[in-house]
């Protein structure tokens, strides 16, 4: 996630940003991040315009700055924008419903991920764990599930998720970096 300005605004870095003016218009899909960004820079006056996408088209006419997601700084520059600051790295996570993971045979889909993922469990300090005891995840030998429902993100999270799925070898038709089908399917 980056803070960016238009090339036409004549701002090339944060120092130039703060020297320009006092009343800033900031557009973003992430209004909370935009607010924290403005407060951390001690901007005296600013307005944040939350949008649902395409924040990159607002500067310089309808906004002075944009807080947006991009793969890298080159992608920002291709849109005639100047990257001022990288605010956050973006990563993808695989989250599973515990009950489904324990009670359904998801081995076919999980095997696609298993060779590419490194599990980093987060332990709850309020829960005590017995030493030496391990509870491996096992799948019941019951019949195969007729349908597996997988929630996939759209919007700014779609490109990194599509790249991740491709990297682990999971082919989902209708879900790529560029194309979104509301009901994608898989050949599993």
Protein backbone atom coordinates (compact mmCIF):
# COMPACT_ATOMS: atom_id res chain seq x y z
CA UNK A 1 0.00 0.00 0.00
CA UNK A 2 1.51 3.30 -1.13
CA UNK A 3 0.94 7.02 -0.68
CA UNK A 4 1.11 8.60 -4.15
CA UNK A 5 0.72 11.94 -5.90
CA UNK A 6 0.30 12.94 -9.53
CA UNK A 7 3.35 13.92 -11.59
CA UNK A 8 1.41 17.05 -12.54
CA UNK A 9 1.31 18.17 -8.89
CA UNK A 10 5.08 18.70 -8.88
CA UNK A 11 5.56 16.67 -5.68
CA UNK A 12 8.43 14.20 -5.76
CA UNK A 13 8.91 13.33 -2.07
CA UNK A 14 7.42 13.83 1.40
CA UNK A 15 9.37 17.05 2.02
CA UNK A 16 7.91 18.54 -1.15
CA UNK A 17 4.50 17.36 -0.05
CA UNK A 18 4.53 19.18 3.28
CA UNK A 19 5.99 22.38 1.82
CA UNK A 20 3.27 22.76 -0.82
CA UNK A 21 0.07 23.64 1.02
CA UNK A 22 -2.13 23.08 4.04
CA UNK A 23 -5.47 21.83 2.74
CA UNK A 24 -5.05 18.32 1.33
CA UNK A 25 -7.57 16.13 -0.47
CA UNK A 26 -6.75 12.44 0.01
CA UNK A 27 -8.60 9.65 -1.80
CA UNK A 28 -8.36 6.00 -0.81
CA UNK A 29 -10.01 2.60 -0.51
CA UNK A 30 -8.41 2.61 2.94
CA UNK A 31 -9.74 5.72 4.71
CA UNK A 32 -8.34 4.66 8.09
CA UNK A 33 -4.83 4.31 6.64
CA UNK A 34 -5.23 7.66 4.90
CA UNK A 35 -6.18 9.30 8.19
CA UNK A 36 -3.21 7.75 10.04
CA UNK A 37 -0.91 8.82 7.18
CA UNK A 38 -2.13 12.43 7.37
CA UNK A 39 -1.92 12.56 11.16
CA UNK A 40 1.57 11.04 11.24
CA UNK A 41 2.75 13.71 8.80
CA UNK A 42 1.04 16.32 10.98
CA UNK A 43 -0.96 17.74 8.12
CA UNK A 44 -2.85 20.75 9.43
CA UNK A 45 -5.94 20.38 7.28
CA UNK A 46 -7.01 17.45 5.16
CA UNK A 47 -10.13 15.80 3.77
CA UNK A 48 -10.36 12.09 3.09
CA UNK A 49 -12.60 10.80 0.31
CA UNK A 50 -13.27 7.07 0.68
CA UNK A 51 -13.78 5.26 -2.63
CA UNK A 52 -14.54 1.67 -3.61
CA UNK A 53 -11.80 1.40 -6.21
CA UNK A 54 -9.76 3.17 -8.88
CA UNK A 55 -8.26 5.69 -6.44
CA UNK A 56 -5.44 6.20 -8.94
CA UNK A 57 -7.67 8.17 -11.33
CA UNK A 58 -8.50 10.98 -8.89
CA UNK A 59 -5.17 12.88 -8.71
CA UNK A 60 -4.57 15.66 -9.69
CA UNK A 61 -8.06 16.97 -10.54
CA UNK A 62 -10.24 15.59 -7.73
CA UNK A 63 -7.58 14.77 -5.12
CA UNK A 64 -4.03 15.78 -4.25
CA UNK A 65 -2.95 12.42 -2.87
CA UNK A 66 -4.07 8.80 -3.08
CA UNK A 67 -3.46 5.87 -0.77
CA UNK A 68 -3.63 2.75 -2.92
CA UNK A 69 -2.40 -0.79 -3.41
CA UNK A 70 0.12 -1.60 -6.12
CA UNK A 71 2.47 -4.51 -6.80
CA UNK A 72 5.50 -2.23 -6.93
CA UNK A 73 6.63 1.34 -7.61
CA UNK A 74 6.91 0.72 -11.36
CA UNK A 75 3.19 -0.04 -11.52
CA UNK A 76 2.52 3.31 -9.83
CA UNK A 77 4.79 5.18 -12.25
CA UNK A 78 3.01 3.58 -15.23
CA UNK A 79 -0.16 5.37 -14.08
CA UNK A 80 1.58 8.79 -14.13
CA UNK A 81 1.82 8.82 -10.34
CA UNK A 82 4.76 9.45 -8.02
CA UNK A 83 5.24 6.97 -5.16
CA UNK A 84 5.88 9.06 -2.05
CA UNK A 85 5.95 6.40 0.63
CA UNK A 86 5.34 2.67 1.04
CA UNK A 87 2.90 2.40 3.93
CA UNK A 88 2.34 -1.35 4.30
CA UNK A 89 3.43 -4.63 2.75
CA UNK A 90 0.59 -6.82 1.49
CA UNK A 91 0.50 -10.58 1.95
CA UNK A 92 -2.07 -13.31 1.40
CA UNK A 93 -3.29 -15.72 4.06
CA UNK A 94 -5.12 -19.02 3.84
CA UNK A 95 -7.81 -19.18 6.50
CA UNK A 96 -9.87 -22.30 7.17
CA UNK A 97 -13.01 -22.93 9.16
CA UNK A 98 -12.02 -25.32 11.98
CA UNK A 99 -15.23 -27.37 11.79
CA UNK A 100 -14.96 -27.82 8.02
CA UNK A 101 -11.28 -28.65 8.27
CA UNK A 102 -11.95 -31.32 10.89
CA UNK A 103 -15.17 -32.80 9.49
CA UNK A 104 -14.88 -32.63 5.69
CA UNK A 105 -12.47 -34.34 3.35
CA UNK A 106 -10.59 -31.34 2.00
CA UNK A 107 -7.43 -33.33 1.25
CA UNK A 108 -7.73 -32.84 -2.50
CA UNK A 109 -7.71 -29.06 -2.26
CA UNK A 110 -5.25 -28.89 0.66
CA UNK A 111 -2.73 -31.07 -1.18
CA UNK A 112 -2.42 -28.28 -3.76
CA UNK A 113 -1.31 -25.92 -1.01
CA UNK A 114 0.69 -28.24 1.24
CA UNK A 115 3.96 -28.21 -0.70
CA UNK A 116 4.00 -24.40 -0.95
CA UNK A 117 2.86 -23.37 2.50
CA UNK A 118 4.75 -23.08 5.73
CA UNK A 119 2.37 -23.11 8.66
CA UNK A 120 3.01 -20.51 11.32
CA UNK A 121 0.40 -21.22 13.97
CA UNK A 122 -0.49 -18.48 16.38
CA UNK A 123 -0.90 -19.87 19.85
CA UNK A 124 -3.44 -18.46 22.23
CA UNK A 125 -1.60 -17.81 25.53
CA UNK A 126 -4.82 -18.35 27.49
CA UNK A 127 -4.99 -21.98 26.33
CA UNK A 128 -2.71 -24.58 27.92
CA UNK A 129 -1.10 -27.20 25.70
CA UNK A 130 0.23 -30.56 26.86
CA UNK A 131 3.90 -31.11 26.05
CA UNK A 132 4.73 -33.86 23.63
CA UNK A 133 1.15 -34.27 22.48
CA UNK A 134 0.37 -33.52 18.88
CA UNK A 135 -3.02 -33.47 17.27
CA UNK A 136 -2.47 -33.96 13.55
CA UNK A 137 -5.30 -32.98 11.29
CA UNK A 138 -6.99 -36.09 9.95
CA UNK A 139 -9.75 -36.38 7.43
CA UNK A 140 -12.62 -38.81 7.95
CA UNK A 141 -12.77 -41.66 5.44
CA UNK A 142 -16.37 -40.78 4.61
CA UNK A 143 -17.48 -40.18 1.04
CA UNK A 144 -16.18 -37.27 -0.98
CA UNK A 145 -17.85 -33.92 -0.61
CA UNK A 146 -20.13 -33.07 -3.49
CA UNK A 147 -19.13 -29.44 -3.46
CA UNK A 148 -16.41 -27.41 -1.82
CA UNK A 149 -17.09 -23.72 -1.39
CA UNK A 150 -14.05 -21.47 -1.40
CA UNK A 151 -14.35 -17.74 -0.71
CA UNK A 152 -11.97 -15.79 -2.95
CA UNK A 153 -11.35 -12.06 -2.62
CA UNK A 154 -11.96 -9.53 -5.36
CA UNK A 155 -10.82 -5.95 -5.73
CA UNK A 156 -7.30 -5.09 -4.62
CA UNK A 157 -6.75 -8.56 -3.08
CA UNK A 158 -7.61 -10.45 -6.27
CA UNK A 159 -4.22 -10.14 -8.07
CA UNK A 160 -2.03 -11.43 -5.20
CA UNK A 161 -4.53 -14.21 -4.45
CA UNK A 162 -4.67 -15.28 -8.11
CA UNK A 163 -0.85 -15.31 -8.22
CA UNK A 164 -0.74 -17.42 -5.06
CA UNK A 165 -3.28 -19.93 -6.38
CA UNK A 166 -1.34 -20.22 -9.63
CA UNK A 167 1.93 -20.72 -7.72
CA UNK A 168 0.49 -23.62 -5.71
CA UNK A 169 -0.97 -25.19 -8.84
CA UNK A 170 -4.66 -24.69 -8.11
CA UNK A 171 -6.43 -23.95 -11.39
CA UNK A 172 -9.63 -21.98 -10.87
CA UNK A 173 -11.37 -21.10 -14.13
CA UNK A 174 -12.74 -17.57 -14.20
CA UNK A 175 -10.46 -16.23 -11.46
CA UNK A 176 -7.30 -14.54 -12.69
CA UNK A 177 -5.53 -11.26 -12.04
CA UNK A 178 -7.58 -9.60 -14.78
CA UNK A 179 -10.83 -11.59 -14.92
CA UNK A 180 -13.41 -12.13 -12.20
CA UNK A 181 -16.29 -14.55 -12.58
CA UNK A 182 -18.61 -14.37 -9.55
CA UNK A 183 -18.98 -18.18 -9.64
CA UNK A 184 -15.56 -19.57 -10.67
CA UNK A 185 -15.07 -23.32 -10.97
CA UNK A 186 -12.19 -25.72 -10.56
CA UNK A 187 -11.14 -28.97 -12.19
CA UNK A 188 -10.64 -30.75 -8.85
